[in-house]
């Protein structure tokens, strides 16, 4: 289960970074008086997410989990186990 959670985080974290960046952009474009404070908070969150992304990649590497995509998603948890693919190799 821990391996699956790592893969889920690996996929989700880049989306979270994108959402944070979009929110920062919207705050900068607004006339919100507390905009700079919220931007600082969002940048801090970005930093935390980036650090978590690094930790997830390191843990996946340590466990030998490889992730790649093509037309169909394939996630290798162990050399003989494929998740997200109906083919067996």
N, C-alpha and C. Protein backbone atom coordinates (compact mmCIF):
# COMPACT_ATOMS: atom_id res chain seq x y z
N UNK A 1 0.82 -1.19 0.00
CA UNK A 1 0.00 0.00 0.00
C UNK A 1 0.87 1.26 0.00
N UNK A 2 1.96 1.24 0.73
CA UNK A 2 2.85 2.39 0.77
C UNK A 2 3.36 2.72 -0.64
N UNK A 3 3.64 1.69 -1.42
CA UNK A 3 4.13 1.92 -2.78
C UNK A 3 3.09 2.63 -3.63
N UNK A 4 1.85 2.20 -3.52
CA UNK A 4 0.77 2.83 -4.27
C UNK A 4 0.60 4.28 -3.84
N UNK A 5 0.70 4.54 -2.55
CA UNK A 5 0.58 5.92 -2.04
C UNK A 5 1.70 6.80 -2.60
N UNK A 6 2.91 6.26 -2.70
CA UNK A 6 4.02 7.02 -3.29
C UNK A 6 3.73 7.38 -4.74
N UNK A 7 3.20 6.43 -5.49
CA UNK A 7 2.89 6.68 -6.90
C UNK A 7 1.78 7.73 -7.02
N UNK A 8 0.78 7.65 -6.17
CA UNK A 8 -0.30 8.64 -6.20
C UNK A 8 0.26 10.03 -5.91
N UNK A 9 1.11 10.14 -4.91
CA UNK A 9 1.72 11.43 -4.59
C UNK A 9 2.59 11.92 -5.74
N UNK A 10 3.30 11.00 -6.37
CA UNK A 10 4.17 11.36 -7.50
C UNK A 10 3.35 11.99 -8.63
N UNK A 11 2.15 11.49 -8.83
CA UNK A 11 1.27 12.01 -9.88
C UNK A 11 0.58 13.30 -9.45
N UNK A 12 0.15 13.38 -8.21
CA UNK A 12 -0.64 14.51 -7.74
C UNK A 12 0.18 15.77 -7.47
N UNK A 13 1.37 15.63 -6.95
CA UNK A 13 2.15 16.81 -6.52
C UNK A 13 2.43 17.81 -7.64
N UNK A 14 2.76 17.39 -8.85
CA UNK A 14 2.95 18.39 -9.91
C UNK A 14 1.68 19.20 -10.20
N UNK A 15 0.51 18.56 -10.10
CA UNK A 15 -0.75 19.29 -10.29
C UNK A 15 -0.93 20.32 -9.19
N UNK A 16 -0.58 19.96 -7.97
CA UNK A 16 -0.69 20.89 -6.85
C UNK A 16 0.21 22.10 -7.07
N UNK A 17 1.43 21.87 -7.55
CA UNK A 17 2.33 22.99 -7.84
C UNK A 17 1.74 23.91 -8.91
N UNK A 18 1.11 23.34 -9.92
CA UNK A 18 0.49 24.14 -10.97
C UNK A 18 -0.66 24.98 -10.41
N UNK A 19 -1.47 24.38 -9.57
CA UNK A 19 -2.58 25.11 -8.97
C UNK A 19 -2.07 26.26 -8.11
N UNK A 20 -1.04 26.00 -7.33
CA UNK A 20 -0.46 27.06 -6.50
C UNK A 20 0.06 28.20 -7.37
N UNK A 21 0.73 27.87 -8.46
CA UNK A 21 1.27 28.90 -9.36
C UNK A 21 0.15 29.73 -9.98
N UNK A 22 -0.93 29.07 -10.38
CA UNK A 22 -2.07 29.80 -10.94
C UNK A 22 -2.69 30.74 -9.91
N UNK A 23 -2.79 30.29 -8.67
CA UNK A 23 -3.33 31.14 -7.61
C UNK A 23 -2.42 32.33 -7.33
N UNK A 24 -1.13 32.13 -7.37
CA UNK A 24 -0.18 33.23 -7.18
C UNK A 24 -0.37 34.27 -8.29
N UNK A 25 -0.53 33.78 -9.51
CA UNK A 25 -0.72 34.68 -10.65
C UNK A 25 -2.00 35.49 -10.47
N UNK A 26 -3.10 34.83 -10.05
CA UNK A 26 -4.36 35.54 -9.84
C UNK A 26 -4.24 36.59 -8.74
N UNK A 27 -3.54 36.26 -7.68
CA UNK A 27 -3.37 37.21 -6.58
C UNK A 27 -2.56 38.42 -7.04
N UNK A 28 -1.52 38.18 -7.83
CA UNK A 28 -0.71 39.29 -8.33
C UNK A 28 -1.53 40.22 -9.23
N UNK A 29 -2.45 39.64 -9.98
CA UNK A 29 -3.27 40.44 -10.91
C UNK A 29 -4.42 41.16 -10.20
N UNK A 30 -4.69 40.81 -8.97
CA UNK A 30 -5.80 41.43 -8.25
C UNK A 30 -5.33 42.66 -7.48
N UNK A 31 -6.28 43.42 -6.98
CA UNK A 31 -5.98 44.58 -6.16
C UNK A 31 -6.19 44.28 -4.68
N UNK A 32 -6.12 43.03 -4.34
CA UNK A 32 -6.36 42.58 -2.98
C UNK A 32 -5.29 43.15 -2.05
N UNK A 33 -5.72 43.81 -0.99
CA UNK A 33 -4.77 44.47 -0.09
C UNK A 33 -3.81 43.50 0.59
N UNK A 34 -4.30 42.31 0.88
CA UNK A 34 -3.45 41.31 1.54
C UNK A 34 -2.77 40.38 0.53
N UNK A 35 -2.82 40.75 -0.75
CA UNK A 35 -2.23 39.93 -1.80
C UNK A 35 -0.80 39.51 -1.53
N UNK A 36 0.09 40.46 -1.17
CA UNK A 36 1.48 40.07 -0.92
C UNK A 36 1.63 39.04 0.21
N UNK A 37 0.78 39.15 1.22
CA UNK A 37 0.83 38.18 2.32
C UNK A 37 0.39 36.80 1.85
N UNK A 38 -0.71 36.75 1.08
CA UNK A 38 -1.17 35.47 0.54
C UNK A 38 -0.16 34.88 -0.44
N UNK A 39 0.45 35.74 -1.24
CA UNK A 39 1.46 35.26 -2.18
C UNK A 39 2.63 34.63 -1.42
N UNK A 40 3.06 35.27 -0.36
CA UNK A 40 4.15 34.72 0.46
C UNK A 40 3.76 33.35 1.01
N UNK A 41 2.53 33.24 1.48
CA UNK A 41 2.05 31.97 2.02
C UNK A 41 2.02 30.88 0.93
N UNK A 42 1.53 31.24 -0.25
CA UNK A 42 1.48 30.28 -1.35
C UNK A 42 2.88 29.87 -1.80
N UNK A 43 3.82 30.80 -1.80
CA UNK A 43 5.21 30.46 -2.15
C UNK A 43 5.80 29.50 -1.12
N UNK A 44 5.46 29.71 0.14
CA UNK A 44 5.92 28.79 1.19
C UNK A 44 5.34 27.40 0.96
N UNK A 45 4.06 27.35 0.57
CA UNK A 45 3.44 26.07 0.27
C UNK A 45 4.11 25.41 -0.93
N UNK A 46 4.44 26.20 -1.95
CA UNK A 46 5.14 25.66 -3.12
C UNK A 46 6.46 25.02 -2.70
N UNK A 47 7.18 25.70 -1.83
CA UNK A 47 8.46 25.18 -1.35
C UNK A 47 8.27 23.85 -0.63
N UNK A 48 7.25 23.76 0.20
CA UNK A 48 6.98 22.51 0.91
C UNK A 48 6.60 21.38 -0.04
N UNK A 49 5.78 21.69 -1.04
CA UNK A 49 5.37 20.69 -2.01
C UNK A 49 6.58 20.22 -2.82
N UNK A 50 7.46 21.14 -3.19
CA UNK A 50 8.68 20.77 -3.93
C UNK A 50 9.56 19.84 -3.11
N UNK A 51 9.68 20.13 -1.83
CA UNK A 51 10.47 19.26 -0.94
C UNK A 51 9.82 17.89 -0.81
N UNK A 52 8.51 17.86 -0.73
CA UNK A 52 7.80 16.58 -0.65
C UNK A 52 7.96 15.80 -1.96
N UNK A 53 7.93 16.50 -3.06
CA UNK A 53 8.13 15.87 -4.37
C UNK A 53 9.51 15.21 -4.42
N UNK A 54 10.51 15.90 -3.93
CA UNK A 54 11.87 15.36 -3.89
C UNK A 54 11.91 14.11 -3.00
N UNK A 55 11.26 14.19 -1.82
CA UNK A 55 11.25 13.06 -0.90
C UNK A 55 10.57 11.84 -1.54
N UNK A 56 9.47 12.08 -2.24
CA UNK A 56 8.74 10.99 -2.90
C UNK A 56 9.61 10.34 -3.97
N UNK A 57 10.28 11.17 -4.79
CA UNK A 57 11.16 10.62 -5.83
C UNK A 57 12.29 9.80 -5.23
N UNK A 58 12.88 10.28 -4.13
CA UNK A 58 13.96 9.55 -3.47
C UNK A 58 13.46 8.21 -2.93
N UNK A 59 12.29 8.22 -2.31
CA UNK A 59 11.74 6.99 -1.75
C UNK A 59 11.38 6.00 -2.85
N UNK A 60 10.84 6.49 -3.96
CA UNK A 60 10.54 5.60 -5.08
C UNK A 60 11.82 4.99 -5.62
N UNK A 61 12.85 5.79 -5.75
CA UNK A 61 14.14 5.28 -6.22
C UNK A 61 14.69 4.23 -5.27
N UNK A 62 14.57 4.51 -3.96
CA UNK A 62 15.07 3.58 -2.95
C UNK A 62 14.34 2.24 -3.02
N UNK A 63 13.05 2.29 -3.29
CA UNK A 63 12.25 1.07 -3.37
C UNK A 63 12.28 0.41 -4.75
N UNK A 64 12.94 1.05 -5.70
CA UNK A 64 13.02 0.48 -7.04
C UNK A 64 11.73 0.65 -7.84
N UNK A 65 10.94 1.66 -7.50
CA UNK A 65 9.68 1.92 -8.21
C UNK A 65 9.99 2.83 -9.39
N UNK A 66 9.61 2.38 -10.58
CA UNK A 66 9.82 3.17 -11.78
C UNK A 66 8.46 3.58 -12.33
N UNK A 67 8.43 4.76 -12.90
CA UNK A 67 7.18 5.31 -13.41
C UNK A 67 7.44 5.89 -14.78
N UNK A 68 6.63 5.53 -15.75
CA UNK A 68 6.73 6.13 -17.07
C UNK A 68 5.36 6.07 -17.72
N UNK A 69 5.20 6.85 -18.76
CA UNK A 69 3.91 6.84 -19.44
C UNK A 69 4.13 6.84 -20.94
N UNK A 70 3.16 6.32 -21.63
CA UNK A 70 3.08 6.41 -23.08
C UNK A 70 1.59 6.51 -23.40
N UNK A 71 1.10 5.89 -24.43
CA UNK A 71 -0.32 5.99 -24.74
C UNK A 71 -1.16 5.45 -23.57
N UNK A 72 -0.75 4.35 -23.00
CA UNK A 72 -1.42 3.85 -21.80
C UNK A 72 -0.45 4.00 -20.63
N UNK A 73 -0.97 4.35 -19.47
CA UNK A 73 -0.12 4.54 -18.30
C UNK A 73 0.38 3.19 -17.81
N UNK A 74 1.64 3.16 -17.46
CA UNK A 74 2.21 1.96 -16.86
C UNK A 74 2.99 2.38 -15.63
N UNK A 75 2.71 1.74 -14.54
CA UNK A 75 3.41 2.02 -13.30
C UNK A 75 4.01 0.71 -12.81
N UNK A 76 5.32 0.67 -12.68
CA UNK A 76 5.98 -0.54 -12.25
C UNK A 76 6.25 -0.45 -10.76
N UNK A 77 5.59 -1.30 -9.98
CA UNK A 77 5.85 -1.33 -8.56
C UNK A 77 6.97 -2.31 -8.25
N UNK A 78 6.96 -3.41 -8.93
CA UNK A 78 8.04 -4.40 -8.83
C UNK A 78 8.24 -4.93 -10.25
N UNK A 79 9.37 -5.51 -10.55
CA UNK A 79 9.62 -5.94 -11.93
C UNK A 79 8.50 -6.77 -12.57
N UNK A 80 7.75 -7.55 -11.79
CA UNK A 80 6.74 -8.41 -12.40
C UNK A 80 5.31 -7.94 -12.17
N UNK A 81 5.12 -6.76 -11.57
CA UNK A 81 3.77 -6.28 -11.27
C UNK A 81 3.51 -4.98 -12.01
N UNK A 82 2.43 -4.91 -12.78
CA UNK A 82 2.05 -3.70 -13.49
C UNK A 82 0.70 -3.24 -12.96
N UNK A 83 0.58 -1.95 -12.67
CA UNK A 83 -0.67 -1.39 -12.19
C UNK A 83 -1.12 -0.37 -13.23
N UNK A 84 -2.37 -0.32 -13.54
CA UNK A 84 -2.89 0.63 -14.50
C UNK A 84 -2.76 0.17 -15.92
N UNK A 85 -2.43 -1.09 -16.13
CA UNK A 85 -2.26 -1.64 -17.47
C UNK A 85 -2.87 -3.04 -17.45
N UNK A 86 -3.62 -3.37 -18.49
CA UNK A 86 -4.24 -4.69 -18.52
C UNK A 86 -3.32 -5.74 -19.13
N UNK A 87 -2.18 -5.30 -19.67
CA UNK A 87 -1.22 -6.24 -20.27
C UNK A 87 -0.38 -6.86 -19.17
N UNK A 88 0.04 -8.09 -19.36
CA UNK A 88 1.02 -8.68 -18.45
C UNK A 88 2.28 -8.93 -19.23
N UNK A 89 3.39 -8.59 -18.63
CA UNK A 89 4.69 -8.76 -19.30
C UNK A 89 5.53 -9.75 -18.54
